[in-house]
Every structure is written in C-alpha cells, then in structure tokens.
Amino acid sequence: MYVLAVYTEIIERTEDNYVGLERPIVIAYYRFASKSTSKMTTYWRNRMQIISNDHKDLIFAVSDADQFNHQLIEYGFHFNCKNRLESDAIVVAEDANEVQYVLDTKLDTNSLSKLINKFKDQELNPHIIGIWPGTRRGTPSDQIIIIGAHYDTVRSSPGVDDNGSGSAAVLEMAKLIAQNNCKLDKTIIFVLFDMEEDGLKGSKYFVKDYLIPVEVIQNGAKVIAVIVMDMILEHDSTRNSQSLGIIANVLPEWSAKVKQNGYRGDFAAVWARKGIDTKLYEKLEKNWVNKDKYGLSLMAPALPELGSEVDSSDKFRKYETFMRSDHASFWYPTQRYMTFPAILITDLGPWRKNMRHSYHRSTDDTRNLSEENLMFVKNTIDSVLNTILDYSKGKCHK
C-alpha cells in the first residue's frame, strides 16, 4: 500500500508494473497525452486526484488505453475507434479477488465518487463478459454471435439448474474456444447476466448501454445470432415427465407433439419468434447432435418483430411467459426500433418432472447432477459449439 503525507498518489500503470500493484485498485483508462489530448490527460488526472484524497485506503491509477487495449476488450470495450478516448475514459474498480466492476456512466467526480462508495460497500455487480475476436473484429464488416445465460438465482435456491447449468455451459464453451485457439470469421461475445430474476435488468442493461451504443453504433458491427441458455440440466425420458403448463392452449400444435411423444421430457425446447428467429433455430437444429436421444423442439409464438408493435391487448398477452428470460431483452430492447435474432434453449423448468417441486426452491441443488442430466448439458454445449463453428467458418487448432 502507498502511504503519502497529504495527497494520494495517482500511479501510472504500465505493462512493467501492473502485475505487482496491490488490490483493491481503481483504474482510469484513456488515451495518454499527445498534442491533441494533453488537456484531457490533465483533466482525467485531476478528476481522479479529487476523489482519491477521500479514499486513501484504495490505490488509484491511470492506464494508457492503447497499451492496455487487450484488457479493455476483455471488459467488453473496443477502442480501435480513435475518437472515443480523446474525450472520455473508462473506469474499472478491481477488488482483492481481481473481480472487475466497470463505471457504466460518463466519468466525472460525481459518478466516480458513487462508484467507489458502492464498490467499498460491496453493492456493485461484477462485469462478466468475454470476447473472442473474429478475423474482422474492429472493422464495419464485423459480425457478432452472442452466447449468454444469467448467473443469479433467487434467495431461497442454490440454483443448480436455474441457472447454474446455463452459466456453466457458457463458461465451458468460452474455455473450449480459447483452449483450441479457434480461428473464426465472426466475433463471439460470451456474457453472464445478473438480475434476471429481478426483471431481466442485467441483460437489458447489456443491450441498452453496451451492445447497441458500443458494438452496433460505435463499431458498426452486426449482431447475427444470440443464443441464451436458461435451465438446461433436466432430462427425463420416462412417460408423463413433461407437463404443458399454461402453454397447452397457446401452442396447440407443439402440445400435440408432446402428447404424441408420451409427455416425455427428453428434449431441449427452443423459444423463437415465428418467422423471425426460426432461421437461427434451423441452424441450431442442423448442428444438434444425438437427436435420437436428446430431442430438440421448437416453440415459436407468433410475436411481432419490434417492441413498438407489442401492445397490452389479448393478442400478445397470452405469450407473456415467452418474455421471462434474457432472450427477450434482445427481442425487444428499450430502443424499440431495433431487434436482434435471438433464441432461448431451456429444459422448461417447472414443467419438467423433477423440477416441478424444485423450481426456485432449496431442492434445486446438486442432487440434480446425475450422469443423465450432465450428458444432456454436454449435448447442448457440443451442439451450440457446432453451430458457432458453422456460422463462423471456424477452424480450431487442437
């Protein structure tokens, strides 16, 4: 820890010293002084200095955004666009466990002070995003595939199926892509959302404040596919293990297929808007492995394309259950003129036998980690990876 008589030192964090710096630490990334940015360099240092004097128990540092561009990409920011950091900065607070928390508003003394107070009071949610750059990353021809799941659970439940299963699948796919050094012509964003159980707040924020302004508008990238996984653990091939719940009258053709199959819960369901996301489903279905054992079942409500077309009439109210997971944040962002092709993969949770009495309860625990269920999760991971590679003309080197 740095001990100073009057003022807290603002450290210049470089490639040579950053490994040895202690945590917790607050870092401002911006483009360092040049003829065009010297005033901004002084400005950001001054903002940090004002706040640091009230928080001498923390280390404060500045980093050259160009030198640490690789880390900014890990945090979900891409600053090859020269204009961004000549008038702005990104602030990251990192705790003793090296978990990062990112300031989600423009940096000024007010916003920085709020961030640090919440950081010290442990009131922040971590920023969990990983980007595997495609060969066209950083150009207007970049295309993005998003693989996501929520990692939160309700207070009363360990959340092994809901949604430890989906979170584990996202992490495993990211690990496999990296370990095998896959070369893809599409950029893959792996993201874990918080606060799904509190009105999809995490995914709504991700779409509204990161995906649209940074990736789509600033970087000019196109999002071609979003695959969200929420509860993908439960597989049951016995008769009458799958109930229809409120879906029975909403999707009668799908319900008839479940009935014909003896009400067996031996499939992964895919939620997609009819005629809008179905091409994405077809790509997944093409790459789905072991179809005889692990079925794939499309559930496609006749929902509109844009949020501006959704109203509260009975026409759409019957489909409300299809809006209960993070895929809906991509279907209908707060920017109501936009939409993204997105599907949800799910075991249908409380409508499947063993989860009927475990959904959002203390029994959603490790007792559900049977070999059969784990192989079901593996099948989903393998199939989604195949879909990524198919979309991306992927080649892996291990």
Protein backbone atom coordinates (compact mmCIF):
# COMPACT_ATOMS: atom_id res chain seq x y z
CA MET A 1 0.00 0.00 0.00
CA TYR A 2 1.22 3.51 -0.82
CA VAL A 3 1.48 5.89 2.19
CA LEU A 4 1.58 9.62 1.45
CA ALA A 5 1.54 12.63 3.71
CA VAL A 6 -1.09 14.82 2.07
CA TYR A 7 -2.23 13.58 -1.33
CA THR A 8 -2.87 10.08 -2.58
CA GLU A 9 -0.53 9.25 -5.43
CA ILE A 10 -2.07 8.64 -8.85
CA ILE A 11 0.05 5.82 -10.24
CA GLU A 12 0.81 5.49 -13.91
CA ARG A 13 0.07 1.80 -14.52
CA THR A 14 2.23 0.31 -17.28
CA GLU A 15 2.99 -3.12 -18.69
CA ASP A 16 6.08 -3.17 -16.45
CA ASN A 17 4.40 -2.56 -13.08
CA TYR A 18 0.75 -3.58 -13.32
CA VAL A 19 1.20 -7.20 -12.16
CA GLY A 20 2.72 -6.12 -8.83
CA LEU A 21 0.16 -3.47 -7.93
CA GLU A 22 -1.94 -4.28 -4.90
CA ARG A 23 -5.71 -4.53 -4.87
CA PRO A 24 -8.27 -3.06 -4.39
CA ILE A 25 -7.45 -0.58 -7.13
CA VAL A 26 -9.36 1.94 -9.25
CA ILE A 27 -8.06 2.45 -12.79
CA ALA A 28 -8.98 5.07 -15.39
CA TYR A 29 -8.21 4.11 -18.98
CA TYR A 30 -7.83 6.89 -21.54
CA ARG A 31 -5.61 7.92 -24.41
CA PHE A 32 -2.43 9.42 -22.96
CA ALA A 33 -1.02 12.85 -23.73
CA SER A 34 -0.37 13.88 -27.28
CA LYS A 35 -0.72 17.25 -28.95
CA SER A 36 -4.45 16.66 -29.27
CA THR A 37 -5.04 15.09 -25.85
CA SER A 38 -2.70 16.81 -23.38
CA LYS A 39 -5.55 18.83 -21.88
CA MET A 40 -7.65 15.71 -21.45
CA THR A 41 -4.76 13.92 -19.73
CA THR A 42 -4.60 16.67 -17.11
CA TYR A 43 -8.39 16.63 -16.83
CA TRP A 44 -8.62 12.90 -16.02
CA ARG A 45 -5.73 13.00 -13.55
CA ASN A 46 -7.39 15.91 -11.75
CA ARG A 47 -10.73 14.09 -11.53
CA MET A 48 -9.00 11.04 -10.05
CA GLN A 49 -6.94 13.19 -7.64
CA ILE A 50 -10.01 14.93 -6.20
CA ILE A 51 -11.71 11.65 -5.36
CA SER A 52 -8.61 9.76 -4.26
CA ASN A 53 -7.98 12.23 -1.44
CA ASP A 54 -11.16 10.97 0.24
CA HIS A 55 -10.28 7.29 -0.20
CA LYS A 56 -6.72 6.76 0.95
CA ASP A 57 -7.42 3.08 1.59
CA LEU A 58 -7.56 2.47 -2.17
CA ILE A 59 -4.90 2.60 -4.88
CA PHE A 60 -5.69 4.88 -7.83
CA ALA A 61 -4.05 4.52 -11.22
CA VAL A 62 -4.27 5.68 -14.81
CA SER A 63 -3.52 3.47 -17.81
CA ASP A 64 -2.87 4.19 -21.45
CA ALA A 65 -5.88 2.78 -23.29
CA ASP A 66 -3.77 1.94 -26.33
CA GLN A 67 -1.26 -0.03 -24.28
CA PHE A 68 -3.99 -1.93 -22.43
CA ASN A 69 -6.44 -2.33 -25.31
CA HIS A 70 -6.32 -6.13 -24.79
CA GLN A 71 -7.69 -5.72 -21.26
CA LEU A 72 -10.40 -3.32 -22.39
CA ILE A 73 -11.52 -5.94 -24.90
CA GLU A 74 -11.76 -8.45 -22.03
CA TYR A 75 -14.00 -5.99 -20.18
CA GLY A 76 -16.21 -5.70 -23.27
CA PHE A 77 -14.86 -2.42 -24.67
CA HIS A 78 -13.18 -1.97 -28.02
CA PHE A 79 -11.31 1.28 -28.59
CA ASN A 80 -9.79 0.99 -32.04
CA CYS A 81 -12.08 3.92 -32.81
CA LYS A 82 -9.74 6.88 -32.16
CA ASN A 83 -12.32 9.45 -31.14
CA ARG A 84 -13.73 7.67 -28.07
CA LEU A 85 -10.90 8.09 -25.58
CA GLU A 86 -9.85 11.56 -26.62
CA SER A 87 -12.93 12.90 -24.84
CA ASP A 88 -13.86 10.07 -22.50
CA ALA A 89 -12.42 7.49 -20.14
CA ILE A 90 -13.37 4.07 -18.83
CA VAL A 91 -13.04 3.45 -15.07
CA VAL A 92 -12.62 -0.05 -13.65
CA ALA A 93 -12.58 -0.90 -9.94
CA GLU A 94 -10.87 -4.21 -9.14
CA ASP A 95 -11.23 -5.94 -5.79
CA ALA A 96 -8.80 -8.17 -3.88
CA ASN A 97 -10.04 -11.21 -5.84
CA GLU A 98 -9.36 -9.42 -9.15
CA VAL A 99 -13.07 -9.15 -9.94
CA GLN A 100 -13.71 -6.07 -12.08
CA TYR A 101 -16.55 -3.55 -11.74
CA VAL A 102 -16.99 -1.04 -14.54
CA LEU A 103 -18.33 2.51 -14.26
CA ASP A 104 -21.39 2.43 -16.52
CA THR A 105 -21.82 6.20 -16.90
CA LYS A 106 -19.65 9.06 -18.13
CA LEU A 107 -16.74 9.79 -15.81
CA ASP A 108 -16.98 12.86 -13.63
CA THR A 109 -16.30 13.44 -9.93
CA ASN A 110 -19.90 12.67 -9.03
CA SER A 111 -20.14 9.34 -10.89
CA LEU A 112 -16.68 8.27 -9.74
CA SER A 113 -17.49 9.03 -6.11
CA LYS A 114 -20.71 6.97 -6.31
CA LEU A 115 -18.85 4.06 -7.94
CA ILE A 116 -16.18 3.99 -5.22
CA ASN A 117 -18.66 4.22 -2.34
CA LYS A 118 -20.73 1.35 -3.75
CA PHE A 119 -17.54 -0.60 -4.51
CA LYS A 120 -16.37 -0.30 -0.90
CA ASP A 121 -19.84 -1.17 0.42
CA GLN A 122 -19.94 -4.24 -1.88
CA GLU A 123 -23.10 -3.01 -3.58
CA LEU A 124 -21.88 -3.47 -7.17
CA ASN A 125 -22.50 -6.34 -9.56
CA PRO A 126 -19.43 -7.60 -11.44
CA HIS A 127 -18.98 -7.03 -15.15
CA ILE A 128 -18.77 -10.52 -16.68
CA ILE A 129 -18.13 -10.56 -20.41
CA GLY A 130 -15.58 -12.26 -22.64
CA ILE A 131 -14.91 -11.53 -26.29
CA TRP A 132 -13.26 -13.89 -28.75
CA PRO A 133 -12.40 -11.58 -31.66
CA GLY A 134 -13.23 -12.73 -35.17
CA THR A 135 -10.92 -12.06 -38.09
CA ARG A 136 -12.89 -8.89 -38.95
CA ARG A 137 -13.01 -7.52 -35.40
CA GLY A 138 -12.66 -3.75 -35.30
CA THR A 139 -14.00 -3.24 -38.83
CA PRO A 140 -17.52 -2.32 -40.00
CA SER A 141 -17.83 -5.82 -41.51
CA ASP A 142 -17.55 -7.47 -38.08
CA GLN A 143 -20.42 -9.84 -37.28
CA ILE A 144 -21.22 -10.91 -33.73
CA ILE A 145 -22.63 -14.06 -32.15
CA ILE A 146 -23.67 -13.74 -28.50
CA ILE A 147 -23.75 -16.73 -26.15
CA GLY A 148 -25.35 -15.89 -22.82
CA ALA A 149 -27.00 -17.02 -19.60
CA HIS A 150 -27.95 -15.46 -16.28
CA TYR A 151 -25.85 -16.40 -13.25
CA ASP A 152 -28.11 -15.13 -10.47
CA THR A 153 -30.67 -17.16 -8.56
CA VAL A 154 -33.43 -16.42 -6.09
CA ARG A 155 -32.59 -16.10 -2.41
CA SER A 156 -34.16 -19.42 -1.42
CA SER A 157 -32.44 -21.59 -4.04
CA PRO A 158 -28.89 -22.78 -4.78
CA GLY A 159 -29.85 -22.51 -8.46
CA VAL A 160 -28.08 -25.60 -9.82
CA ASP A 161 -30.46 -25.89 -12.79
CA ASP A 162 -31.71 -22.28 -12.66
CA ASN A 163 -29.28 -21.17 -13.81
CA GLY A 164 -26.01 -22.77 -12.84
CA SER A 165 -26.50 -25.11 -15.79
CA GLY A 166 -26.67 -22.33 -18.38
CA SER A 167 -23.81 -20.39 -16.76
CA ALA A 168 -21.56 -23.46 -16.72
CA ALA A 169 -22.34 -24.07 -20.40
CA VAL A 170 -21.30 -20.52 -21.35
CA LEU A 171 -18.04 -20.82 -19.41
CA GLU A 172 -17.25 -24.24 -20.88
CA MET A 173 -17.80 -23.03 -24.44
CA ALA A 174 -15.58 -20.00 -23.87
CA LYS A 175 -12.88 -22.27 -22.42
CA LEU A 176 -13.04 -24.71 -25.32
CA ILE A 177 -12.90 -21.97 -27.97
CA ALA A 178 -9.85 -20.45 -26.25
CA GLN A 179 -8.05 -23.71 -25.46
CA ASN A 180 -8.37 -24.87 -29.05
CA ASN A 181 -7.31 -21.48 -30.40
CA CYS A 182 -10.24 -21.38 -32.80
CA LYS A 183 -9.96 -19.01 -35.76
CA LEU A 184 -13.41 -17.63 -36.56
CA ASP A 185 -14.62 -15.03 -39.03
CA LYS A 186 -17.32 -13.96 -36.55
CA THR A 187 -16.73 -12.35 -33.15
CA ILE A 188 -18.12 -14.33 -30.22
CA ILE A 189 -19.30 -12.49 -27.10
CA PHE A 190 -19.72 -14.72 -24.06
CA VAL A 191 -21.74 -12.95 -21.38
CA LEU A 192 -23.25 -13.84 -18.00
CA PHE A 193 -26.13 -11.61 -16.92
CA ASP A 194 -27.03 -10.65 -13.37
CA MET A 195 -30.52 -9.83 -12.05
CA GLU A 196 -32.51 -11.95 -14.49
CA GLU A 197 -34.68 -12.89 -11.55
CA ASP A 198 -35.31 -9.18 -10.98
CA GLY A 199 -36.92 -8.23 -14.28
CA LEU A 200 -34.06 -9.09 -16.69
CA LYS A 201 -32.18 -5.99 -15.51
CA GLY A 202 -28.71 -7.31 -16.34
CA SER A 203 -29.44 -8.26 -19.94
CA LYS A 204 -31.49 -5.11 -20.53
CA TYR A 205 -28.53 -3.04 -19.38
CA PHE A 206 -26.12 -5.05 -21.55
CA VAL A 207 -28.22 -4.44 -24.66
CA LYS A 208 -29.11 -0.81 -23.96
CA ASP A 209 -25.80 0.50 -22.62
CA TYR A 210 -23.20 -1.72 -24.26
CA LEU A 211 -24.36 -3.77 -27.25
CA ILE A 212 -26.24 -1.06 -29.12
CA PRO A 213 -24.11 2.04 -28.37
CA VAL A 214 -20.68 0.37 -28.47
CA GLU A 215 -20.85 -2.63 -30.79
CA VAL A 216 -23.61 -1.61 -33.20
CA ILE A 217 -23.40 2.18 -33.37
CA GLN A 218 -19.76 2.94 -32.50
CA ASN A 219 -18.07 -0.11 -34.00
CA GLY A 220 -20.56 -0.66 -36.81
CA ALA A 221 -20.81 -4.41 -36.13
CA LYS A 222 -23.86 -6.54 -36.95
CA VAL A 223 -25.35 -8.99 -34.44
CA ILE A 224 -26.35 -12.08 -36.42
CA ALA A 225 -27.26 -14.52 -33.63
CA VAL A 226 -27.99 -14.57 -29.90
CA ILE A 227 -28.24 -17.91 -28.08
CA VAL A 228 -29.37 -17.75 -24.45
CA MET A 229 -29.47 -20.81 -22.18
CA ASP A 230 -31.71 -20.85 -19.11
CA MET A 231 -32.20 -24.17 -17.26
CA ILE A 232 -30.68 -26.85 -19.50
CA LEU A 233 -30.00 -29.61 -16.95
CA GLU A 234 -33.17 -31.68 -16.58
CA HIS A 235 -33.63 -34.64 -18.96
CA ASP A 236 -36.26 -37.31 -18.33
CA SER A 237 -37.22 -39.93 -20.91
CA THR A 238 -39.95 -41.54 -18.78
CA ARG A 239 -43.60 -41.16 -19.72
CA ASN A 240 -45.52 -38.25 -18.21
CA SER A 241 -42.36 -36.44 -17.14
CA GLN A 242 -43.27 -33.38 -19.22
CA SER A 243 -46.30 -31.24 -18.42
CA LEU A 244 -47.65 -28.50 -20.65
CA GLY A 245 -48.49 -25.89 -18.08
CA ILE A 246 -50.02 -22.72 -19.49
CA ILE A 247 -48.53 -23.48 -22.93
CA ALA A 248 -51.17 -26.13 -23.74
CA ASN A 249 -53.65 -23.68 -25.26
CA VAL A 250 -51.08 -21.17 -26.52
CA LEU A 251 -49.17 -23.54 -28.83
CA PRO A 252 -51.64 -26.35 -29.61
CA GLU A 253 -49.54 -27.93 -32.39
CA TRP A 254 -46.49 -28.14 -30.13
CA SER A 255 -48.64 -29.52 -27.31
CA ALA A 256 -49.95 -32.23 -29.61
CA LYS A 257 -46.38 -33.34 -30.41
CA VAL A 258 -45.55 -33.62 -26.71
CA LYS A 259 -48.69 -35.68 -26.18
CA GLN A 260 -47.79 -37.93 -29.12
CA ASN A 261 -44.35 -38.48 -27.52
CA GLY A 262 -45.98 -39.75 -24.31
CA TYR A 263 -45.36 -36.50 -22.43
CA ARG A 264 -41.65 -37.35 -22.16
CA GLY A 265 -39.21 -34.66 -21.08
CA ASP A 266 -36.46 -35.98 -23.35
CA PHE A 267 -35.83 -32.81 -25.35
CA ALA A 268 -34.45 -29.30 -25.16
CA ALA A 269 -37.04 -26.67 -26.04
CA VAL A 270 -36.14 -23.64 -28.15
CA TRP A 271 -38.13 -20.41 -27.92
CA ALA A 272 -38.11 -18.31 -31.08
CA ARG A 273 -40.43 -15.77 -32.67
CA LYS A 274 -42.25 -17.43 -35.55
CA GLY A 275 -40.75 -16.41 -38.89
CA ILE A 276 -38.21 -14.07 -37.25
CA ASP A 277 -35.79 -16.22 -35.24
CA THR A 278 -36.63 -19.52 -36.93
CA LYS A 279 -33.60 -19.35 -39.27
CA LEU A 280 -31.38 -19.30 -36.21
CA TYR A 281 -33.27 -22.29 -34.85
CA GLU A 282 -32.77 -24.11 -38.17
CA LYS A 283 -29.02 -23.53 -37.94
CA LEU A 284 -29.01 -24.95 -34.40
CA GLU A 285 -31.19 -27.89 -35.43
CA LYS A 286 -28.81 -28.69 -38.30
CA ASN A 287 -25.92 -28.87 -35.82
CA TRP A 288 -27.77 -30.59 -32.96
CA VAL A 289 -26.09 -33.90 -32.09
CA ASN A 290 -27.61 -37.16 -30.83
CA LYS A 291 -31.12 -36.19 -31.92
CA ASP A 292 -32.47 -39.68 -31.27
CA LYS A 293 -31.63 -39.46 -27.58
CA TYR A 294 -31.77 -35.73 -26.96
CA GLY A 295 -34.54 -34.15 -28.98
CA LEU A 296 -34.86 -30.51 -29.99
CA SER A 297 -38.31 -28.94 -30.00
CA LEU A 298 -39.20 -25.56 -31.50
CA MET A 299 -41.72 -23.41 -29.65
CA ALA A 300 -42.47 -20.44 -31.90
CA PRO A 301 -45.16 -17.99 -30.74
CA ALA A 302 -46.48 -15.52 -33.31
CA LEU A 303 -44.87 -12.49 -31.72
CA PRO A 304 -44.07 -9.30 -33.68
CA GLU A 305 -40.57 -8.30 -34.73
CA LEU A 306 -40.28 -4.94 -32.98
CA GLY A 307 -41.08 -3.81 -29.48
CA SER A 308 -43.03 -0.88 -30.92
CA GLU A 309 -45.52 -3.42 -32.30
CA VAL A 310 -46.11 -5.09 -28.94
CA ASP A 311 -49.15 -3.85 -27.03
CA SER A 312 -51.11 -4.99 -23.99
CA SER A 313 -54.01 -6.43 -25.95
CA ASP A 314 -55.10 -10.03 -25.61
CA LYS A 315 -53.38 -10.75 -28.92
CA PHE A 316 -49.96 -10.73 -27.25
CA ARG A 317 -50.82 -11.14 -23.57
CA LYS A 318 -51.17 -14.88 -23.98
CA TYR A 319 -47.48 -15.04 -24.97
CA GLU A 320 -46.19 -13.27 -21.84
CA THR A 321 -44.49 -16.39 -20.50
CA PHE A 322 -42.14 -16.30 -23.51
CA MET A 323 -40.76 -12.99 -22.25
CA ARG A 324 -39.46 -14.32 -18.93
CA SER A 325 -35.79 -14.89 -19.75
CA ASP A 326 -32.89 -12.84 -21.09
CA HIS A 327 -33.51 -13.59 -24.79
CA ALA A 328 -36.45 -11.16 -24.54
CA SER A 329 -34.03 -8.27 -23.92
CA PHE A 330 -32.68 -8.88 -27.43
CA TRP A 331 -36.11 -9.35 -28.98
CA TYR A 332 -37.40 -6.07 -27.60
CA PRO A 333 -34.68 -3.63 -26.43
CA THR A 334 -35.67 -0.34 -24.86
CA GLN A 335 -34.63 1.11 -28.25
CA ARG A 336 -37.96 -0.07 -29.67
CA TYR A 337 -36.95 0.41 -33.31
CA MET A 338 -34.30 -2.32 -33.02
CA THR A 339 -34.32 -6.10 -32.62
CA PHE A 340 -31.82 -8.96 -32.75
CA PRO A 341 -32.27 -12.61 -33.82
CA ALA A 342 -32.34 -14.50 -30.53
CA ILE A 343 -33.40 -17.90 -29.21
CA LEU A 344 -33.68 -19.46 -25.78
CA ILE A 345 -32.64 -23.06 -25.07
CA THR A 346 -34.37 -24.49 -21.98
CA ASP A 347 -35.49 -27.68 -20.27
CA LEU A 348 -38.78 -25.85 -19.46
CA GLY A 349 -38.01 -25.83 -15.75
CA PRO A 350 -41.12 -26.23 -13.58
CA TRP A 351 -42.96 -28.06 -16.35
CA ARG A 352 -40.47 -30.94 -16.19
CA LYS A 353 -40.96 -33.66 -13.59
CA ASN A 354 -38.08 -33.29 -11.12
CA MET A 355 -38.17 -29.50 -11.29
CA ARG A 356 -41.89 -29.23 -10.60
CA HIS A 357 -41.20 -29.12 -6.86
CA SER A 358 -37.65 -27.70 -7.05
CA TYR A 359 -38.08 -24.59 -9.17
CA HIS A 360 -36.95 -21.57 -7.12
CA ARG A 361 -36.64 -23.78 -4.05
CA SER A 362 -33.85 -25.14 -1.89
CA THR A 363 -34.04 -28.52 -3.66
CA ASP A 364 -32.64 -27.09 -6.90
CA ASP A 365 -29.28 -28.38 -5.72
CA THR A 366 -26.50 -30.84 -6.55
CA ARG A 367 -28.84 -33.81 -6.24
CA ASN A 368 -29.88 -32.98 -9.80
CA LEU A 369 -26.35 -33.57 -11.12
CA SER A 370 -26.97 -37.12 -12.34
CA GLU A 371 -24.94 -38.59 -15.18
CA GLU A 372 -28.01 -38.47 -17.43
CA ASN A 373 -28.55 -34.78 -16.76
CA LEU A 374 -24.88 -33.88 -17.16
CA MET A 375 -24.74 -35.67 -20.51
CA PHE A 376 -27.79 -33.64 -21.55
CA VAL A 377 -25.90 -30.44 -20.74
CA LYS A 378 -22.85 -31.73 -22.63
CA ASN A 379 -25.02 -32.41 -25.65
CA THR A 380 -26.24 -28.81 -25.62
CA ILE A 381 -22.67 -27.50 -25.30
CA ASP A 382 -21.46 -29.66 -28.20
CA SER A 383 -24.40 -28.64 -30.38
CA VAL A 384 -24.07 -24.89 -29.73
CA LEU A 385 -20.31 -25.10 -30.37
CA ASN A 386 -21.03 -26.83 -33.67
CA THR A 387 -23.43 -24.01 -34.51
CA ILE A 388 -20.80 -21.36 -33.70
CA LEU A 389 -18.24 -23.08 -35.91
CA ASP A 390 -20.76 -23.47 -38.72
CA TYR A 391 -21.72 -19.80 -38.59
CA SER A 392 -18.10 -18.69 -38.35
CA LYS A 393 -16.38 -21.00 -40.83
CA GLY A 394 -14.34 -21.98 -37.80
CA LYS A 395 -11.07 -23.83 -37.64
CA CYS A 396 -9.67 -24.98 -34.33
CA HIS A 397 -6.01 -25.90 -33.95
CA LYS A 398 -6.03 -28.50 -31.18
